[in-house]
Structure formats: structure tokens, C-alpha cells
Amino acid sequence: MLARTALAGLAVVVAVWFAVLLSDEHRANEAAASSGSAAAVEAALHGRQSQFDQRIHRLRQSRFLDPDTTAELDIAGAYAVRGGAANLTRALRTVQGVLRSEPENLDAWAALLRVQEARHDTAGVEAALAQARRLDPLDFRTS
């Protein structure tokens, strides 16, 4: 009887965890798609600051109880696309945070490469490219 109760409790916990992850995924997709239109994404990235802030907020909400760093890299990418010194600095810090916790994350190194290119940091580009080549020599051999 105790084993069945414990198993039922575990099933409830797993179901709740799955529901939270599903909700997080929905929020991330909603933020990334911004209502599904390319014009909406463009407006969120290059339009009014309030639209941009709302998109970043939705991406941050999507991280709730989800260890995946994709949302962090999406946030960094949004700041990089938005441009400007302050946004590029935020993008850089965000990607570096991901790399501190996941130094073998190829997507993070590729994101760092893009951020460093946007910052026109030649040394940073070379360092990020070297790490990307180390992790994936075939795709980054001619970059």
C-alpha cells in the first residue's frame, strides 16, 4: 500500500513537472514567434522599447524550472540584434553566463561569435571561433 501511494505521489510530481516544462516551452515559442509574423518579430526587435522589453520578459518567463539555456541564448541574440553598446554588453554578459555553466555548449560559442562580430571585437571573434572549431571542426573549419 505504501509503495502504491509513493508511486502515485511520484506520478503527480512528474505530471506537474511536465506541465511546467510545457508551459515554459509555450512561453518561449510565443516570445520567439511574437504572434507568428515576421513583422511582429521585427517590431519587437527594432520597434518600440516596450515591445522589446515585453519579448525579453516572455523569454525570461520561459526559463521557470527549465534548465535548458536556449532561452538565455535567445535573450542574448535579441539584445545583439537590437544593437547599441548597452545591448551588446548585455548580450555578451548573457552568453558568458551560459558559457560559465556550460563550457562545452557549441550553440553558446556560436552565439558568442555573433555577439563579438556585432561588437567588432576581433580578438573576441578569434577566441570564440577557436572554441567553436574545437567543439565542431567540420562546421567551423572555413569560418
Protein backbone atom coordinates (compact mmCIF):
# COMPACT_ATOMS: atom_id res chain seq x y z
CA MET A 1 0.00 0.00 0.00
CA LEU A 2 2.80 2.41 0.91
CA ALA A 3 4.60 1.64 -2.36
CA ARG A 4 1.48 2.42 -4.39
CA THR A 5 0.97 5.70 -2.56
CA ALA A 6 4.60 6.65 -3.13
CA LEU A 7 4.32 5.72 -6.80
CA ALA A 8 1.14 7.76 -7.19
CA GLY A 9 2.82 10.73 -5.50
CA LEU A 10 5.79 10.42 -7.82
CA ALA A 11 3.46 10.29 -10.82
CA VAL A 12 1.78 13.51 -9.69
CA VAL A 13 5.14 15.25 -9.26
CA VAL A 14 6.28 14.13 -12.72
CA ALA A 15 2.98 15.27 -14.26
CA VAL A 16 3.29 18.70 -12.63
CA TRP A 17 6.93 19.00 -13.76
CA PHE A 18 5.87 18.09 -17.31
CA ALA A 19 3.11 20.71 -17.20
CA VAL A 20 5.58 23.38 -16.06
CA LEU A 21 8.03 22.48 -18.84
CA LEU A 22 5.22 22.51 -21.39
CA SER A 23 4.13 25.94 -20.18
CA ASP A 24 7.73 27.18 -20.37
CA GLU A 25 8.03 25.88 -23.93
CA HIS A 26 4.81 27.63 -24.87
CA ARG A 27 6.09 30.92 -23.43
CA ALA A 28 9.40 30.57 -25.29
CA ASN A 29 7.63 29.83 -28.56
CA GLU A 30 5.28 32.74 -28.02
CA ALA A 31 8.17 35.09 -27.36
CA ALA A 32 10.18 33.81 -30.30
CA ALA A 33 7.28 33.93 -32.71
CA SER A 34 5.74 37.16 -31.42
CA SER A 35 2.31 36.20 -32.73
CA GLY A 36 3.78 34.28 -35.64
CA SER A 37 4.51 37.07 -38.09
CA ALA A 38 7.90 38.24 -39.29
CA ALA A 39 6.69 41.84 -38.98
CA ALA A 40 5.88 41.30 -35.30
CA VAL A 41 9.34 39.85 -34.63
CA GLU A 42 10.93 42.77 -36.49
CA ALA A 43 8.86 45.25 -34.48
CA ALA A 44 9.76 43.53 -31.22
CA LEU A 45 13.46 43.65 -32.02
CA HIS A 46 13.70 47.04 -33.72
CA GLY A 47 10.48 48.79 -32.71
CA ARG A 48 9.47 50.48 -29.50
CA GLN A 49 11.42 49.68 -26.36
CA SER A 50 8.23 48.46 -24.67
CA GLN A 51 7.73 45.76 -27.32
CA PHE A 52 11.32 44.67 -26.96
CA ASP A 53 11.08 44.59 -23.15
CA GLN A 54 7.88 42.54 -23.38
CA ARG A 55 9.61 39.96 -25.60
CA ILE A 56 12.57 39.71 -23.22
CA HIS A 57 10.16 39.33 -20.30
CA ARG A 58 8.38 36.44 -22.04
CA LEU A 59 11.69 34.75 -22.77
CA ARG A 60 12.72 35.12 -19.11
CA GLN A 61 9.38 33.66 -18.00
CA SER A 62 10.01 30.62 -20.18
CA ARG A 63 13.02 29.67 -18.03
CA PHE A 64 10.88 28.81 -14.98
CA LEU A 65 12.13 25.44 -13.65
CA ASP A 66 13.71 24.66 -17.04
CA PRO A 67 17.47 24.03 -17.07
CA ASP A 68 17.69 24.48 -20.86
CA THR A 69 19.80 27.53 -21.76
CA THR A 70 18.14 28.12 -25.13
CA ALA A 71 16.05 30.96 -23.71
CA GLU A 72 19.21 32.63 -22.40
CA LEU A 73 20.80 32.42 -25.84
CA ASP A 74 17.60 33.78 -27.41
CA ILE A 75 17.74 36.72 -24.99
CA ALA A 76 21.37 37.35 -25.87
CA GLY A 77 20.51 37.17 -29.57
CA ALA A 78 17.68 39.65 -29.15
CA TYR A 79 19.98 42.12 -27.40
CA ALA A 80 22.62 41.64 -30.11
CA VAL A 81 20.10 42.23 -32.90
CA ARG A 82 18.72 45.29 -31.09
CA GLY A 83 22.25 46.72 -31.19
CA GLY A 84 23.84 49.59 -29.37
CA ALA A 85 26.67 49.44 -26.87
CA ALA A 86 24.49 48.73 -23.81
CA ASN A 87 22.52 45.96 -25.55
CA LEU A 88 25.67 44.35 -26.94
CA THR A 89 27.19 44.40 -23.45
CA ARG A 90 24.06 42.68 -22.09
CA ALA A 91 24.23 40.12 -24.88
CA LEU A 92 27.88 39.44 -24.11
CA ARG A 93 27.24 39.02 -20.37
CA THR A 94 24.29 36.73 -21.02
CA VAL A 95 26.27 34.43 -23.31
CA GLN A 96 29.25 34.44 -20.97
CA GLY A 97 26.92 33.36 -18.15
CA VAL A 98 25.80 30.38 -20.20
CA LEU A 99 29.39 29.51 -21.05
CA ARG A 100 30.44 29.63 -17.39
CA SER A 101 27.91 26.92 -16.60
CA GLU A 102 28.23 25.03 -19.92
CA PRO A 103 31.70 25.48 -21.44
CA GLU A 104 31.05 22.70 -23.97
CA ASN A 105 27.87 24.31 -25.38
CA LEU A 106 28.51 24.80 -29.10
CA ASP A 107 25.39 26.94 -29.52
CA ALA A 108 26.68 29.31 -26.84
CA TRP A 109 30.08 29.60 -28.53
CA ALA A 110 28.35 30.32 -31.84
CA ALA A 111 26.20 32.96 -30.11
CA LEU A 112 29.33 34.48 -28.57
CA LEU A 113 30.91 34.56 -32.02
CA ARG A 114 27.92 36.51 -33.39
CA VAL A 115 27.94 38.91 -30.44
CA GLN A 116 31.67 39.54 -30.79
CA GLU A 117 31.22 40.16 -34.51
CA ALA A 118 28.50 42.70 -33.73
CA ARG A 119 30.82 44.35 -31.19
CA HIS A 120 33.64 44.39 -33.80
CA ASP A 121 35.90 42.65 -31.27
CA THR A 122 38.46 40.86 -33.43
CA ALA A 123 40.18 39.12 -30.52
CA GLY A 124 36.83 38.00 -29.13
CA VAL A 125 35.79 36.67 -32.55
CA GLU A 126 39.00 34.67 -32.85
CA ALA A 127 38.66 33.24 -29.32
CA ALA A 128 35.03 32.22 -29.88
CA LEU A 129 35.86 30.78 -33.29
CA ALA A 130 38.72 28.74 -31.82
CA GLN A 131 36.39 27.21 -29.23
CA ALA A 132 33.71 26.53 -31.85
CA ARG A 133 36.32 24.84 -34.06
CA ARG A 134 37.49 22.76 -31.10
CA LEU A 135 33.94 21.53 -30.49
CA ASP A 136 32.91 21.15 -34.15
CA PRO A 137 35.90 21.19 -36.50
CA LEU A 138 33.87 20.27 -39.59
CA ASP A 139 31.31 23.08 -39.47
CA PHE A 140 33.74 25.77 -38.37
CA ARG A 141 36.76 24.82 -40.48
CA THR A 142 36.25 27.53 -43.13
CA SER A 143 34.78 30.24 -40.88
